[in-house]
C-alpha atoms as a PDB file:
ATOM      1  CA  MET A   1     -30.530 -15.066  -0.289  1.00  0.00           C
ATOM      2  CA  THR A   2     -34.570 -16.242  -0.210  1.00  0.00           C
ATOM      3  CA  GLN A   3     -37.375 -14.884   2.232  1.00  0.00           C
ATOM      4  CA  THR A   4     -39.948 -17.249   3.626  1.00  0.00           C
ATOM      5  CA  ASN A   5     -43.286 -16.135   5.181  1.00  0.00           C
ATOM      6  CA  GLU A   6     -43.541 -18.408   7.396  1.00  0.00           C
ATOM      7  CA  LYS A   7     -47.309 -17.827   7.266  1.00  0.00           C
ATOM      8  CA  TYR A   8     -47.804 -18.628   3.325  1.00  0.00           C
ATOM      9  CA  GLY A   9     -44.814 -20.569   3.133  1.00  0.00           C
ATOM     10  CA  THR A  10     -43.881 -18.755   0.061  1.00  0.00           C
ATOM     11  CA  SER A  11     -40.875 -17.618  -0.837  1.00  0.00           C
ATOM     12  CA  ARG A  12     -38.821 -15.127  -2.836  1.00  0.00           C
ATOM     13  CA  MET A  13     -35.181 -13.718  -3.657  1.00  0.00           C
ATOM     14  CA  VAL A  14     -34.609 -10.647  -1.269  1.00  0.00           C
ATOM     15  CA  ARG A  15     -34.035  -7.650  -2.556  1.00  0.00           C
ATOM     16  CA  ARG A  16     -30.826  -5.590  -1.451  1.00  0.00           C
ATOM     17  CA  ARG A  17     -30.732  -1.814  -1.444  1.00  0.00           C
ATOM     18  CA  PRO A  18     -27.958   0.390  -1.749  1.00  0.00           C
ATOM     19  CA  VAL A  19     -27.229   2.511   1.776  1.00  0.00           C
ATOM     20  CA  PHE A  20     -28.041   6.022   0.802  1.00  0.00           C
ATOM     21  CA  ILE A  21     -25.069   8.582   0.562  1.00  0.00           C
ATOM     22  CA  SER A  22     -25.497  12.429   0.646  1.00  0.00           C
ATOM     23  CA  GLN A  23     -24.243  14.336  -1.797  1.00  0.00           C
ATOM     24  CA  GLU A  24     -21.894  15.918   0.547  1.00  0.00           C
ATOM     25  CA  GLY A  25     -20.907  12.165   1.442  1.00  0.00           C
ATOM     26  CA  VAL A  26     -20.592  11.675  -2.369  1.00  0.00           C
ATOM     27  CA  GLN A  27     -17.706  14.687  -3.034  1.00  0.00           C
ATOM     28  CA  LYS A  28     -16.139  13.202   0.488  1.00  0.00           C
ATOM     29  CA  ALA A  29     -15.145  10.047  -1.607  1.00  0.00           C
ATOM     30  CA  ARG A  30     -14.567  11.319  -4.946  1.00  0.00           C
ATOM     31  CA  THR A  31     -12.279  13.914  -3.044  1.00  0.00           C
ATOM     32  CA  SER A  32     -10.723  10.973  -0.844  1.00  0.00           C
ATOM     33  CA  LYS A  33     -10.040   8.638  -4.057  1.00  0.00           C
ATOM     34  CA  ASN A  34      -8.127  11.748  -6.260  1.00  0.00           C
ATOM     35  CA  ARG A  35      -6.069  12.208  -3.220  1.00  0.00           C
ATOM     36  CA  LEU A  36      -5.149   8.215  -2.447  1.00  0.00           C
ATOM     37  CA  SER A  37      -4.331   7.751  -6.446  1.00  0.00           C
ATOM     38  CA  HIS A  38      -2.352  11.268  -6.163  1.00  0.00           C
ATOM     39  CA  SER A  39      -0.260   9.727  -3.101  1.00  0.00           C
ATOM     40  CA  MET A  40      -0.036   6.233  -4.397  1.00  0.00           C
ATOM     41  CA  LYS A  41       2.161   8.234  -7.376  1.00  0.00           C
ATOM     42  CA  ALA A  42       5.055   9.761  -4.818  1.00  0.00           C
ATOM     43  CA  VAL A  43       7.708   7.517  -3.898  1.00  0.00           C
ATOM     44  CA  PRO A  44       9.332   7.468  -0.474  1.00  0.00           C
ATOM     45  CA  GLY A  45      11.580  10.778  -0.141  1.00  0.00           C
ATOM     46  CA  HIS A  46      15.091   9.315   0.196  1.00  0.00           C
ATOM     47  CA  TRP A  47      14.702   6.922  -2.939  1.00  0.00           C
ATOM     48  CA  ASP A  48      16.791   8.634  -5.491  1.00  0.00           C
ATOM     49  CA  LYS A  49      14.463   9.997  -8.378  1.00  0.00           C
ATOM     50  CA  SER A  50      17.156  10.502 -11.590  1.00  0.00           C
ATOM     51  CA  LEU A  51      17.772   6.553 -10.811  1.00  0.00           C
ATOM     52  CA  LEU A  52      13.878   5.594 -10.823  1.00  0.00           C
ATOM     53  CA  PRO A  53      13.039   3.755 -14.456  1.00  0.00           C
ATOM     54  CA  ASP A  54       9.461   3.560 -15.564  1.00  0.00           C
ATOM     55  CA  ILE A  55       9.213   0.013 -15.639  1.00  0.00           C
ATOM     56  CA  GLY A  56      11.191  -2.007 -13.768  1.00  0.00           C
ATOM     57  CA  TYR A  57      13.266  -1.897 -10.829  1.00  0.00           C
ATOM     58  CA  LYS A  58      17.156  -0.140 -10.260  1.00  0.00           C
ATOM     59  CA  LYS A  59      19.490  -1.033  -7.837  1.00  0.00           C
ATOM     60  CA  VAL A  60      20.627   1.514  -6.004  1.00  0.00           C
ATOM     61  CA  PRO A  61      23.930   0.978  -3.711  1.00  0.00           C
ATOM     62  CA  LEU A  62      23.784   3.141  -0.525  1.00  0.00           C
ATOM     63  CA  LEU A  63      26.498   5.173   1.247  1.00  0.00           C
ATOM     64  CA  HIS A  64      28.262   3.880   4.449  1.00  0.00           C
ATOM     65  CA  SER A  65      27.726   7.296   5.587  1.00  0.00           C
ATOM     66  CA  SER A  66      23.943   7.128   4.977  1.00  0.00           C
ATOM     67  CA  ASP A  67      21.145   6.828   7.760  1.00  0.00           C
ATOM     68  CA  GLU A  68      19.697   4.344   5.579  1.00  0.00           C
ATOM     69  CA  TYR A  69      22.984   2.292   5.532  1.00  0.00           C
ATOM     70  CA  LYS A  70      23.752   2.662   9.263  1.00  0.00           C
ATOM     71  CA  LYS A  71      19.977   1.721  10.050  1.00  0.00           C
ATOM     72  CA  ILE A  72      20.554  -1.673   8.029  1.00  0.00           C
ATOM     73  CA  LEU A  73      24.298  -2.187   9.815  1.00  0.00           C
ATOM     74  CA  ASP A  74      22.982  -1.416  13.190  1.00  0.00           C
ATOM     75  CA  LEU A  75      19.975  -4.779  12.463  1.00  0.00           C
ATOM     76  CA  PHE A  76      22.345  -6.777  10.742  1.00  0.00           C
ATOM     77  CA  GLN A  77      25.010  -6.825  13.617  1.00  0.00           C
ATOM     78  CA  LYS A  78      22.384  -7.627  16.591  1.00  0.00           C
ATOM     79  CA  THR A  79      21.654 -11.150  14.637  1.00  0.00           C
ATOM     80  CA  MET A  80      24.371 -11.717  12.836  1.00  0.00           C
ATOM     81  CA  VAL A  81      27.873 -11.294  14.969  1.00  0.00           C
ATOM     82  CA  GLY A  82      31.200 -12.040  13.506  1.00  0.00           C
ATOM     83  CA  TYR A  83      29.883 -11.648   9.727  1.00  0.00           C
ATOM     84  CA  ARG A  84      30.316  -8.242   7.784  1.00  0.00           C
ATOM     85  CA  ILE A  85      28.616  -6.642   5.348  1.00  0.00           C
ATOM     86  CA  ILE A  86      30.118  -6.027   1.648  1.00  0.00           C
ATOM     87  CA  SER A  87      27.505  -3.820   0.392  1.00  0.00           C
ATOM     88  CA  VAL A  88      23.794  -3.121   0.620  1.00  0.00           C
ATOM     89  CA  GLN A  89      21.930  -1.772  -2.531  1.00  0.00           C
ATOM     90  CA  ARG A  90      17.889  -0.329  -2.385  1.00  0.00           C
ATOM     91  CA  ILE A  91      15.509  -1.799  -4.962  1.00  0.00           C
ATOM     92  CA  GLN A  92      13.678   0.833  -6.328  1.00  0.00           C
ATOM     93  CA  ASN A  93      10.399  -0.686  -8.001  1.00  0.00           C
ATOM     94  CA  ARG A  94       7.465   1.889  -8.356  1.00  0.00           C
ATOM     95  CA  ALA A  95       5.130  -0.857  -9.424  1.00  0.00           C
ATOM     96  CA  LEU A  96       5.839  -2.855  -6.545  1.00  0.00           C
ATOM     97  CA  TRP A  97       5.721  -0.193  -4.231  1.00  0.00           C
ATOM     98  CA  GLU A  98       2.174   1.108  -5.632  1.00  0.00           C
ATOM     99  CA  VAL A  99       0.987  -2.131  -4.917  1.00  0.00           C
ATOM    100  CA  PHE A 100       2.425  -2.193  -1.398  1.00  0.00           C
ATOM    101  CA  GLN A 101       0.763   1.305  -0.451  1.00  0.00           C
ATOM    102  CA  TRP A 102      -2.886   0.037  -1.982  1.00  0.00           C
ATOM    103  CA  GLN A 103      -2.230  -3.153   0.430  1.00  0.00           C
ATOM    104  CA  ARG A 104      -1.685  -1.279   2.925  1.00  0.00           C
ATOM    105  CA  ASP A 105      -4.864   1.420   2.419  1.00  0.00           C
ATOM    106  CA  GLN A 106      -7.114  -1.753   2.077  1.00  0.00           C
ATOM    107  CA  MET A 107      -5.631  -3.213   5.403  1.00  0.00           C
ATOM    108  CA  LYS A 108      -6.479  -0.019   7.197  1.00  0.00           C
ATOM    109  CA  LYS A 109     -10.046   0.007   5.967  1.00  0.00           C
ATOM    110  CA  HIS A 110     -10.696  -3.203   6.782  1.00  0.00           C
ATOM    111  CA  ASN A 111      -9.500  -2.695  10.266  1.00  0.00           C
END
């Protein structure tokens, strides 16, 4: 971006200066980033932690008595009348979960 002096006709590159941030603001930003990265490591509470691989994903069959299964069954029956569910499996993928959380946080910041 250039700035032009209308009186003399000279132009120069505009230098943008960073916005001043107080020491308290810097500390707050640092701690919020640490908290964010720590929260990204967490997985949903209803996931089976014993079946959570470090790399890749794991399919976990849902029990017919679980609340998660009942919710899916209810939503399915509202739109797919006359069909029946044979089985429901949850995909547990830590990497995709962390990407989802990061993207969600980015959208919250922009809105």
